[in-house]
Amino acid sequence: MPVQELARRVAALRTGGKRVVHCHGVFDLLHVGHIKHLQAAADMGDALVVTLTPDRFVNKGPHRPAFPEYLRAEALAALHCVDHVAINDWPTAVETIRLLKPDLYVKGVTQQKGQRDHSDAIRREERAIRAVGGRLLLTEEPTFSASALINRYLDVFTPDARAFLDRFRTHYADADVVDVFRRIRPLRVLVLGETIIDEYQFCEVMGKTSKEPVLAARHKRTEQYAGGILAIANHVAGFCDHVSVLSVLGSNDPYEGFVRKGLRENVTAHFAVNPDAGSIVKRRFLEDHLAAKLFEIYEMQPGNLPPKVEAAVCAKLRVLLPKSDVVIVADYGHGLMTPKVIDLVCRQARFLALNTQTNAGNRGFNPLSRYRRADYVAIGEPEVRLECRNLHGDLDTITKQVARAMRTRQFLVTTGAAGCRCFDHKLGMIKTPAFAVRVVDRVGAGDAVLALTSPCVAMGVPPGLIGFIANVVGAEACSIMGNKSSVEPVNLFRHISSLLK
């Protein structure tokens, strides 16, 4: 039933003198632990009402929930101890508690120290129940993990991914992985590259026109996202407190307000001004229902920076580089990274993380070999093959060849559905299968991987752990349309915990 209808029934119960108990959760794969918890909660009052998190707010990773909200609700309603069930309208139970005003709000015990489920939701829920005159109680029933049962007994992942996770759990707990992100928070990170406005034109395809071989579509809506180096800066800023971004905007650029507003509060923006060109816009046209891309248009001025703009970028770099622990360069091959800029970064960056991208705008004229050094490289398979001019050769051999030429500490190659491989000169090649189950959009996934693995490599995190982090981050990013939002710490940590149970 709708949660508003549940509120009316709870009000009637309380008017009739009944003591109402409220439980809330995801209840994905209802198991004996849930049942014991709900039975214990029912014994605390006269009526037990249960609300569950809707699919759109379940943030245990893109592979969850395993069961849709209507099935989870039906399973709960079938229990004799449960009187009423409703699907929530909000991410947490705070608003629901205020609406229902139950006498008791009951949660299960947890063995975790610190924040419960990597958030402060339980504290906010406790404040909400007290505000409506109720109490928070914890049941003492034995707990089980739905995530552990799903990981082991449901075919959510490929056999390779399940086998990898089984091995990985013997070496790392979720707290070990989350601690990596705690350790990188003090790092000062500089992000350098082109500003890109990702514009998505959502359409409804009507069909071929009657007299021309042309596909006709009806426009439905337009969305714009802060892409390119802006997206990378925002990803990093969720995990590191001190982030600077250096890029170029046009004079009287109509997107400047959008760009500055689109950056997180802890990102300090430094922009040189190019009077000859404005911000780069990549306009993609998509069929709305399936988000299938039809074609795209680049709005940009080709060529390198004018000498005065290049000098301004170099001047800003000379100030910013000595203050930065990690420098992340995302080279999209659209003119910002000139030979002089590259030389300065290679000479002065304390730790240089690098990605060079091949796309329609540079047609392959943007190889890694333009850089004489990098401490860490995160790159896609097409780019590393292009670097060696080897389309069909053994990828491990190609990766080692390029990594040795670049003299990198770690060299990560993303391979889409095949996951990633990370080469370390001492430990060799380590492969990690993909964890992405539901792919909404792959645009920006590689940028997210570069953004969040770079500080980790700078902190000395081993390649086996880097591969795991890269694929979890990639799975999170693939669940986001374009660069509509960043990879958020709470969602990422919950995803990690879900995988490692």
Protein backbone atom coordinates (compact mmCIF):
# COMPACT_ATOMS: atom_id res chain seq x y z
CA MET A 1 0.00 0.00 0.00
CA PRO A 2 1.15 3.63 -0.33
CA VAL A 3 2.87 4.96 2.76
CA GLN A 4 0.22 7.69 3.06
CA GLU A 5 -2.50 5.01 3.36
CA LEU A 6 -0.36 3.26 5.98
CA ALA A 7 -0.24 6.53 7.95
CA ARG A 8 -4.05 6.62 8.06
CA ARG A 9 -4.21 3.01 9.32
CA VAL A 10 -1.57 3.66 11.98
CA ALA A 11 -3.51 6.71 13.16
CA ALA A 12 -6.65 4.57 13.49
CA LEU A 13 -4.73 1.91 15.44
CA ARG A 14 -3.35 4.44 17.88
CA THR A 15 -6.77 6.05 18.29
CA GLY A 16 -8.02 2.58 19.25
CA GLY A 17 -5.39 2.33 21.98
CA LYS A 18 -3.04 0.01 20.11
CA ARG A 19 0.74 0.18 20.58
CA VAL A 20 2.27 0.46 17.08
CA VAL A 21 5.73 -0.91 16.30
CA HIS A 22 7.55 0.18 13.15
CA CYS A 23 10.41 -1.65 11.36
CA HIS A 24 12.18 -0.46 8.24
CA GLY A 25 14.80 -1.89 5.89
CA VAL A 26 15.65 -3.23 2.44
CA PHE A 27 14.69 -6.89 3.19
CA ASP A 28 16.39 -8.10 0.02
CA LEU A 29 16.21 -11.89 0.14
CA LEU A 30 14.03 -12.33 3.22
CA HIS A 31 15.78 -14.79 5.54
CA VAL A 32 15.56 -16.32 9.02
CA GLY A 33 17.41 -13.37 10.58
CA HIS A 34 14.76 -10.98 9.27
CA ILE A 35 11.97 -13.24 10.48
CA LYS A 36 13.36 -13.51 14.01
CA HIS A 37 13.88 -9.75 14.13
CA LEU A 38 10.31 -9.05 12.99
CA GLN A 39 8.84 -11.60 15.40
CA ALA A 40 10.74 -10.01 18.28
CA ALA A 41 9.55 -6.55 17.19
CA ALA A 42 5.92 -7.75 16.97
CA ASP A 43 6.10 -8.98 20.56
CA MET A 44 6.88 -5.43 21.71
CA GLY A 45 3.48 -4.04 20.75
CA ASP A 46 -0.01 -4.69 19.42
CA ALA A 47 0.55 -4.04 15.70
CA LEU A 48 3.69 -4.33 13.55
CA VAL A 49 4.02 -2.14 10.45
CA VAL A 50 6.95 -2.54 8.08
CA THR A 51 8.23 -0.14 5.46
CA LEU A 52 10.88 -1.05 2.93
CA THR A 53 13.35 0.92 0.87
CA PRO A 54 12.20 1.30 -2.77
CA ASP A 55 14.42 0.02 -5.55
CA ARG A 56 15.57 3.49 -6.58
CA PHE A 57 17.11 4.16 -3.16
CA VAL A 58 18.82 0.81 -2.53
CA ASN A 59 22.53 1.69 -2.61
CA LYS A 60 24.31 -1.59 -1.90
CA GLY A 61 25.81 -1.56 -5.39
CA PRO A 62 24.33 -1.54 -8.92
CA HIS A 63 23.66 -5.29 -8.63
CA ARG A 64 21.16 -4.70 -5.81
CA PRO A 65 18.38 -5.13 -5.01
CA ALA A 66 18.33 -8.75 -6.14
CA PHE A 67 14.53 -8.72 -5.84
CA PRO A 68 12.28 -5.81 -6.92
CA GLU A 69 10.32 -3.84 -4.35
CA TYR A 70 6.93 -5.43 -5.07
CA LEU A 71 8.31 -8.94 -4.46
CA ARG A 72 10.04 -7.83 -1.27
CA ALA A 73 6.78 -6.27 -0.09
CA GLU A 74 4.79 -9.44 -0.90
CA ALA A 75 7.27 -11.59 1.03
CA LEU A 76 6.96 -9.37 4.11
CA ALA A 77 3.15 -9.25 3.90
CA ALA A 78 3.04 -13.06 3.90
CA LEU A 79 4.55 -13.20 7.41
CA HIS A 80 1.99 -13.83 10.17
CA CYS A 81 3.71 -11.40 12.56
CA VAL A 82 3.50 -8.45 10.11
CA ASP A 83 0.22 -6.51 10.08
CA HIS A 84 0.85 -3.87 7.39
CA VAL A 85 3.53 -3.29 4.71
CA ALA A 86 4.26 -0.21 2.63
CA ILE A 87 7.00 0.78 0.18
CA ASN A 88 8.72 3.92 1.37
CA ASP A 89 8.86 7.18 -0.59
CA TRP A 90 12.26 8.30 0.78
CA PRO A 91 15.82 6.95 1.10
CA THR A 92 15.61 6.53 4.90
CA ALA A 93 12.87 6.07 7.47
CA VAL A 94 13.19 9.60 8.89
CA GLU A 95 10.32 11.12 6.91
CA THR A 96 8.25 7.93 7.37
CA ILE A 97 8.64 8.03 11.15
CA ARG A 98 7.45 11.64 11.17
CA LEU A 99 4.46 10.62 9.05
CA LEU A 100 3.49 7.42 10.92
CA LYS A 101 4.31 8.55 14.48
CA PRO A 102 4.73 4.98 15.80
CA ASP A 103 5.18 4.21 19.48
CA LEU A 104 8.34 2.18 18.85
CA TYR A 105 10.91 2.15 16.05
CA VAL A 106 12.81 -1.14 16.14
CA LYS A 107 16.14 -2.00 14.53
CA GLY A 108 18.34 -5.08 14.76
CA VAL A 109 21.67 -5.14 16.58
CA THR A 110 24.86 -4.66 14.59
CA GLN A 111 28.42 -5.67 15.33
CA GLN A 112 29.88 -2.79 13.33
CA LYS A 113 31.84 -0.09 15.10
CA GLY A 114 31.45 3.57 14.19
CA GLN A 115 28.81 4.53 11.65
CA ARG A 116 26.11 1.97 10.95
CA ASP A 117 26.03 1.08 7.27
CA HIS A 118 28.55 3.90 6.57
CA SER A 119 25.98 6.62 7.28
CA ASP A 120 24.37 8.50 10.16
CA ALA A 121 20.84 7.40 9.18
CA ILE A 122 20.25 5.57 12.49
CA ARG A 123 21.05 8.73 14.47
CA ARG A 124 18.65 10.78 12.37
CA GLU A 125 15.99 8.10 12.73
CA GLU A 126 16.47 8.09 16.50
CA ARG A 127 16.01 11.86 16.60
CA ALA A 128 12.86 11.51 14.46
CA ILE A 129 11.24 8.87 16.71
CA ARG A 130 11.97 10.92 19.81
CA ALA A 131 10.48 14.02 18.15
CA VAL A 132 7.13 12.22 17.69
CA GLY A 133 7.12 10.91 21.25
CA GLY A 134 8.30 7.36 20.53
CA ARG A 135 11.38 5.29 21.37
CA LEU A 136 14.10 3.45 19.48
CA LEU A 137 14.65 -0.16 20.56
CA LEU A 138 17.06 -2.84 19.31
CA THR A 139 16.23 -6.53 19.03
CA GLU A 140 18.81 -9.02 20.31
CA GLU A 141 18.05 -11.78 17.82
CA PRO A 142 20.90 -13.52 15.91
CA THR A 143 21.76 -11.67 12.71
CA PHE A 144 22.37 -13.06 9.23
CA SER A 145 23.57 -11.31 6.09
CA ALA A 146 21.29 -11.12 3.06
CA SER A 147 24.26 -9.79 1.08
CA ALA A 148 26.33 -12.85 1.97
CA LEU A 149 23.52 -15.20 0.95
CA ILE A 150 22.97 -13.35 -2.35
CA ASN A 151 26.69 -13.28 -3.13
CA ARG A 152 27.10 -17.01 -2.55
CA TYR A 153 23.85 -18.60 -3.73
CA LEU A 154 22.35 -16.34 -6.42
CA ASP A 155 23.81 -15.97 -9.90
CA VAL A 156 24.33 -12.21 -9.60
CA PHE A 157 27.93 -12.31 -10.82
CA THR A 158 29.85 -14.40 -13.34
CA PRO A 159 31.63 -17.52 -12.06
CA ASP A 160 34.97 -15.70 -12.42
CA ALA A 161 33.73 -12.78 -10.34
CA ARG A 162 32.32 -15.07 -7.62
CA ALA A 163 35.58 -17.03 -7.45
CA PHE A 164 37.59 -13.80 -7.27
CA LEU A 165 35.42 -12.41 -4.45
CA ASP A 166 35.74 -15.66 -2.50
CA ARG A 167 39.53 -15.39 -2.67
CA PHE A 168 39.56 -11.65 -2.02
CA ARG A 169 37.50 -12.02 1.19
CA THR A 170 40.23 -14.23 2.67
CA HIS A 171 42.69 -11.31 2.45
CA TYR A 172 40.54 -8.20 2.95
CA ALA A 173 37.48 -7.21 4.95
CA ASP A 174 35.31 -4.29 3.94
CA ALA A 175 36.83 -2.21 6.74
CA ASP A 176 40.29 -2.68 5.20
CA VAL A 177 39.13 -1.32 1.85
CA VAL A 178 37.17 1.56 3.34
CA ASP A 179 40.21 2.48 5.44
CA VAL A 180 42.14 3.15 2.22
CA PHE A 181 39.75 5.99 1.46
CA ARG A 182 40.13 7.35 4.99
CA ARG A 183 43.88 7.48 4.47
CA ILE A 184 43.76 9.43 1.20
CA ARG A 185 41.51 12.19 2.59
CA PRO A 186 44.37 14.57 3.59
CA LEU A 187 46.07 14.41 0.18
CA ARG A 188 46.24 17.62 -1.86
CA VAL A 189 45.16 16.75 -5.40
CA LEU A 190 45.51 18.82 -8.57
CA VAL A 191 43.40 17.81 -11.56
CA LEU A 192 44.44 19.06 -15.00
CA GLY A 193 42.67 18.74 -18.36
CA GLU A 194 39.92 20.01 -20.63
CA THR A 195 36.56 21.24 -19.42
CA ILE A 196 33.79 19.38 -21.24
CA ILE A 197 30.06 20.00 -21.09
CA ASP A 198 28.20 16.74 -21.61
CA GLU A 199 24.83 17.54 -23.15
CA TYR A 200 22.29 14.73 -23.48
CA GLN A 201 19.37 15.28 -25.85
CA PHE A 202 16.72 12.68 -25.02
CA CYS A 203 14.42 11.89 -27.95
CA GLU A 204 11.60 9.61 -28.98
CA VAL A 205 12.42 7.94 -32.27
CA MET A 206 9.48 8.18 -34.68
CA GLY A 207 10.97 6.31 -37.64
CA LYS A 208 12.30 6.94 -41.11
CA THR A 209 11.05 10.04 -42.89
CA SER A 210 8.78 9.36 -45.83
CA LYS A 211 10.95 10.77 -48.64
CA GLU A 212 14.53 10.64 -47.32
CA PRO A 213 16.65 7.91 -45.71
CA VAL A 214 16.70 9.94 -42.50
CA LEU A 215 15.83 8.89 -38.96
CA ALA A 216 13.29 11.26 -37.41
CA ALA A 217 12.96 11.79 -33.66
CA ARG A 218 10.90 14.00 -31.38
CA HIS A 219 12.84 15.94 -28.75
CA LYS A 220 11.72 15.28 -25.16
CA ARG A 221 14.23 16.94 -22.84
CA THR A 222 17.82 18.17 -22.52
CA GLU A 223 20.20 17.53 -19.62
CA GLN A 224 23.67 19.01 -19.16
CA TYR A 225 26.39 17.57 -16.93
CA ALA A 226 29.80 18.85 -15.84
CA GLY A 227 32.08 16.43 -17.68
CA GLY A 228 35.73 15.99 -18.54
CA ILE A 229 38.11 17.27 -15.90
CA LEU A 230 35.19 18.71 -13.89
CA ALA A 231 33.73 15.24 -13.34
CA ILE A 232 37.13 13.91 -12.24
CA ALA A 233 37.57 16.76 -9.76
CA ASN A 234 34.12 16.09 -8.31
CA HIS A 235 34.81 12.36 -7.94
CA VAL A 236 38.07 13.07 -6.10
CA ALA A 237 36.54 15.79 -3.93
CA GLY A 238 34.16 13.31 -2.33
CA PHE A 239 37.16 11.45 -0.89
CA CYS A 240 39.94 14.08 -0.59
CA ASP A 241 39.46 17.36 1.27
CA HIS A 242 41.82 19.52 -0.80
CA VAL A 243 41.22 19.45 -4.56
CA SER A 244 42.23 21.99 -7.20
CA VAL A 245 41.28 21.94 -10.86
CA LEU A 246 43.12 23.74 -13.66
CA SER A 247 41.48 24.11 -17.04
CA VAL A 248 40.63 26.63 -19.74
CA LEU A 249 37.43 28.56 -20.42
CA GLY A 250 36.59 31.01 -23.18
CA SER A 251 36.20 34.74 -22.66
CA ASN A 252 32.56 35.54 -21.95
CA ASP A 253 31.98 31.80 -21.92
CA PRO A 254 28.22 31.15 -21.60
CA TYR A 255 28.97 27.97 -19.63
CA GLU A 256 31.21 29.57 -16.98
CA GLY A 257 28.41 29.91 -14.43
CA PHE A 258 27.31 26.33 -15.04
CA VAL A 259 30.91 25.09 -14.70
CA ARG A 260 31.61 26.88 -11.43
CA LYS A 261 28.26 25.93 -9.94
CA GLY A 262 28.79 22.30 -10.96
CA LEU A 263 31.94 21.87 -8.86
CA ARG A 264 31.86 20.61 -5.27
CA GLU A 265 32.45 23.15 -2.53
CA ASN A 266 35.90 21.79 -1.68
CA VAL A 267 37.17 22.14 -5.27
CA THR A 268 39.24 25.27 -5.93
CA ALA A 269 38.93 26.25 -9.59
CA HIS A 270 41.72 27.85 -11.60
CA PHE A 271 40.88 28.80 -15.18
CA ALA A 272 42.98 30.35 -17.93
CA VAL A 273 41.01 32.32 -20.50
CA ASN A 274 41.13 31.47 -24.21
CA PRO A 275 39.64 34.33 -26.26
CA ASP A 276 39.59 32.17 -29.40
CA ALA A 277 37.40 29.31 -28.14
CA GLY A 278 34.72 28.52 -25.59
CA SER A 279 34.01 25.42 -23.55
CA ILE A 280 33.92 22.09 -25.35
CA VAL A 281 30.40 20.68 -25.66
CA LYS A 282 29.80 17.03 -26.51
CA ARG A 283 26.15 16.79 -27.51
CA ARG A 284 24.74 13.26 -27.54
CA PHE A 285 21.33 12.32 -28.91
CA LEU A 286 19.68 9.35 -27.19
CA GLU A 287 16.51 7.34 -27.58
CA ASP A 288 14.82 8.09 -24.28
CA HIS A 289 13.32 4.74 -23.28
CA LEU A 290 16.48 2.63 -23.48
CA ALA A 291 18.98 5.53 -23.31
CA ALA A 292 20.50 4.17 -26.54
CA LYS A 293 22.85 6.69 -28.17
CA LEU A 294 21.97 7.61 -31.76
CA PHE A 295 24.83 9.98 -32.65
CA GLU A 296 26.82 12.85 -31.17
CA ILE A 297 28.12 16.27 -32.16
CA TYR A 298 31.34 17.91 -30.89
CA GLU A 299 31.20 21.66 -30.43
CA MET A 300 34.83 22.75 -30.12
CA GLN A 301 37.64 24.68 -31.77
CA PRO A 302 40.39 22.29 -32.99
CA GLY A 303 44.07 23.03 -32.46
CA ASN A 304 46.46 23.79 -29.60
CA LEU A 305 46.24 26.70 -27.23
CA PRO A 306 47.33 30.16 -28.37
CA PRO A 307 50.83 31.00 -26.97
CA LYS A 308 49.48 33.54 -24.45
CA VAL A 309 46.95 31.06 -23.07
CA GLU A 310 49.61 28.34 -22.92
CA ALA A 311 51.86 30.72 -20.97
CA ALA A 312 49.02 31.46 -18.55
CA VAL A 313 48.41 27.74 -17.96
CA CYS A 314 52.14 27.17 -17.33
CA ALA A 315 52.29 30.10 -14.92
CA LYS A 316 49.41 28.68 -12.89
CA LEU A 317 51.01 25.24 -12.94
CA ARG A 318 54.29 26.58 -11.52
CA VAL A 319 52.32 27.81 -8.52
CA LEU A 320 50.07 24.76 -8.09
CA LEU A 321 52.45 21.86 -8.74
CA PRO A 322 54.70 22.37 -5.68
CA LYS A 323 51.60 22.45 -3.44
CA SER A 324 50.13 19.20 -4.77
CA ASP A 325 50.75 15.68 -3.47
CA VAL A 326 49.02 14.08 -6.48
CA VAL A 327 48.58 15.46 -9.99
CA ILE A 328 45.91 13.79 -12.15
CA VAL A 329 46.11 14.52 -15.87
CA ALA A 330 43.17 13.51 -18.05
CA ASP A 331 44.29 14.25 -21.59
CA TYR A 332 41.31 14.13 -23.96
CA GLY A 333 43.46 15.31 -26.87
CA HIS A 334 41.57 18.55 -27.50
CA GLY A 335 44.51 20.98 -27.32
CA LEU A 336 45.12 21.89 -23.67
CA MET A 337 48.01 19.50 -23.11
CA THR A 338 50.62 21.11 -25.37
CA PRO A 339 54.26 19.93 -25.41
CA LYS A 340 55.26 22.78 -23.06
CA VAL A 341 52.47 21.98 -20.58
CA ILE A 342 53.31 18.26 -20.70
CA ASP A 343 57.03 18.94 -20.17
CA LEU A 344 56.33 21.12 -17.12
CA VAL A 345 54.02 18.55 -15.55
CA CYS A 346 56.44 15.68 -16.19
CA ARG A 347 59.32 17.62 -14.62
CA GLN A 348 57.58 19.04 -11.55
CA ALA A 349 54.68 16.76 -10.54
CA ARG A 350 55.47 14.98 -7.28
CA PHE A 351 53.20 12.06 -8.24
CA LEU A 352 51.78 12.01 -11.76
CA ALA A 353 48.68 9.95 -12.61
CA LEU A 354 47.79 9.89 -16.27
CA ASN A 355 45.12 8.94 -18.76
CA THR A 356 45.27 9.74 -22.47
CA GLN A 357 42.09 9.15 -24.39
CA THR A 358 41.43 8.30 -27.99
CA ASN A 359 38.14 9.69 -29.28
CA ALA A 360 36.54 11.07 -32.41
CA GLY A 361 37.95 14.51 -31.63
CA ASN A 362 41.60 13.48 -31.80
CA ARG A 363 41.40 10.42 -34.09
CA GLY A 364 44.22 8.58 -32.35
CA PHE A 365 46.75 11.44 -32.37
CA ASN A 366 46.95 11.46 -28.58
CA PRO A 367 49.29 8.65 -27.48
CA LEU A 368 50.79 7.99 -24.07
CA SER A 369 54.26 8.40 -25.57
CA ARG A 370 53.75 12.18 -25.60
CA TYR A 371 54.59 11.90 -21.88
CA ARG A 372 58.09 10.85 -20.90
CA ARG A 373 57.03 9.68 -17.42
CA ALA A 374 54.05 8.85 -15.23
CA ASP A 375 53.92 7.26 -11.79
CA TYR A 376 50.54 5.71 -12.51
CA VAL A 377 48.59 5.14 -15.71
CA ALA A 378 44.91 4.14 -15.92
CA ILE A 379 43.92 3.63 -19.53
CA GLY A 380 41.49 1.70 -21.71
CA GLU A 381 42.41 -1.32 -23.81
CA PRO A 382 41.95 0.51 -27.16
CA GLU A 383 44.43 3.19 -26.08
CA VAL A 384 47.12 0.77 -24.94
CA ARG A 385 46.77 -1.26 -28.15
CA LEU A 386 46.99 1.91 -30.22
CA GLU A 387 50.17 2.84 -28.34
CA CYS A 388 51.81 -0.35 -29.62
CA ARG A 389 50.01 -0.36 -32.99
CA ASN A 390 48.92 -3.90 -32.11
CA LEU A 391 45.22 -4.66 -32.51
CA HIS A 392 45.15 -8.41 -31.91
CA GLY A 393 48.26 -9.23 -29.89
CA ASP A 394 48.33 -10.60 -26.34
CA LEU A 395 47.11 -7.81 -24.07
CA ASP A 396 49.34 -8.81 -21.14
CA THR A 397 52.44 -8.59 -23.32
CA ILE A 398 51.36 -5.23 -24.74
CA THR A 399 50.58 -3.85 -21.28
CA LYS A 400 53.98 -4.87 -19.91
CA GLN A 401 55.73 -3.34 -22.91
CA VAL A 402 54.04 0.05 -22.48
CA ALA A 403 54.33 0.03 -18.68
CA ARG A 404 58.08 -0.57 -18.85
CA ALA A 405 58.50 2.18 -21.42
CA MET A 406 56.60 4.62 -19.18
CA ARG A 407 58.45 3.44 -16.03
CA THR A 408 55.21 3.56 -14.04
CA ARG A 409 54.70 2.34 -10.48
CA GLN A 410 51.41 0.72 -11.51
CA PHE A 411 49.77 0.43 -14.93
CA LEU A 412 46.02 -0.26 -15.02
CA VAL A 413 44.18 -1.29 -18.18
CA THR A 414 40.38 -1.34 -18.18
CA THR A 415 38.81 -3.89 -20.52
CA GLY A 416 35.06 -3.29 -20.19
CA ALA A 417 33.07 -6.44 -19.44
CA ALA A 418 36.35 -8.34 -18.90
CA GLY A 419 37.25 -6.16 -15.90
CA CYS A 420 40.76 -4.77 -15.55
CA ARG A 421 44.39 -5.83 -15.21
CA CYS A 422 47.05 -4.05 -13.20
CA PHE A 423 50.77 -4.48 -13.89
CA ASP A 424 53.26 -3.91 -11.12
CA HIS A 425 56.99 -4.22 -11.92
CA LYS A 426 57.59 -6.27 -8.76
CA LEU A 427 54.35 -8.25 -8.44
CA GLY A 428 53.59 -8.79 -12.11
CA MET A 429 50.11 -8.84 -13.72
CA ILE A 430 47.01 -9.00 -11.52
CA LYS A 431 43.59 -9.42 -13.14
CA THR A 432 40.24 -8.47 -11.62
CA PRO A 433 36.88 -9.45 -13.18
CA ALA A 434 34.12 -6.89 -13.69
CA PHE A 435 31.43 -6.35 -11.05
CA ALA A 436 29.08 -4.23 -13.19
CA VAL A 437 25.72 -5.96 -13.54
CA ARG A 438 23.43 -3.11 -14.59
CA VAL A 439 25.00 -0.69 -17.06
CA VAL A 440 23.14 2.58 -17.56
CA ASP A 441 25.91 4.49 -19.34
CA ARG A 442 29.63 3.82 -19.74
CA VAL A 443 30.51 7.47 -20.40
CA GLY A 444 32.73 8.73 -17.58
CA ALA A 445 33.43 5.32 -16.04
CA GLY A 446 37.12 5.42 -16.97
CA ASP A 447 37.41 8.95 -15.58
CA ALA A 448 35.92 7.81 -12.27
CA VAL A 449 38.40 4.91 -12.10
CA LEU A 450 41.32 7.28 -12.76
CA ALA A 451 40.02 9.77 -10.21
CA LEU A 452 39.66 7.39 -7.27
CA THR A 453 42.50 4.96 -7.86
CA SER A 454 45.17 7.65 -8.40
CA PRO A 455 45.34 8.86 -4.77
CA CYS A 456 45.25 5.23 -3.62
CA VAL A 457 48.28 4.31 -5.75
CA ALA A 458 50.05 7.43 -4.47
CA MET A 459 49.49 6.12 -0.93
CA GLY A 460 51.14 2.81 -1.82
CA VAL A 461 48.02 0.62 -2.02
CA PRO A 462 48.97 -2.76 -3.61
CA PRO A 463 47.81 -3.58 -7.16
CA GLY A 464 45.46 -6.41 -6.11
CA LEU A 465 43.50 -3.97 -4.01
CA ILE A 466 43.70 -1.26 -6.69
CA GLY A 467 42.08 -3.63 -9.20
CA PHE A 468 39.21 -4.35 -6.81
CA ILE A 469 38.69 -0.64 -6.09
CA ALA A 470 38.83 0.18 -9.81
CA ASN A 471 36.11 -2.31 -10.69
CA VAL A 472 33.81 -1.32 -7.82
CA VAL A 473 34.20 2.34 -8.80
CA GLY A 474 33.63 1.43 -12.45
CA ALA A 475 30.44 -0.45 -11.57
CA GLU A 476 29.18 2.55 -9.58
CA ALA A 477 29.99 4.94 -12.44
CA CYS A 478 28.28 2.71 -15.03
CA SER A 479 25.06 3.00 -13.04
CA ILE A 480 25.06 6.82 -13.50
CA MET A 481 23.77 8.51 -16.64
CA GLY A 482 26.80 10.30 -18.08
CA ASN A 483 28.32 12.56 -15.42
CA LYS A 484 24.98 13.45 -13.89
CA SER A 485 26.37 12.79 -10.41
CA SER A 486 29.60 11.72 -8.76
CA VAL A 487 30.56 8.47 -7.09
CA GLU A 488 29.51 9.13 -3.49
CA PRO A 489 31.43 7.77 -0.47
CA VAL A 490 28.43 6.27 1.33
CA ASN A 491 27.20 4.46 -1.79
CA LEU A 492 30.69 3.20 -2.62
CA PHE A 493 31.33 1.97 0.93
CA ARG A 494 27.98 0.18 1.06
CA HIS A 495 28.75 -1.41 -2.30
CA ILE A 496 32.11 -2.62 -0.98
CA SER A 497 30.51 -4.00 2.19
CA SER A 498 27.84 -5.76 0.15
CA LEU A 499 30.45 -7.46 -2.06
CA LEU A 500 32.64 -8.61 0.83
CA LYS A 501 29.97 -10.21 3.02
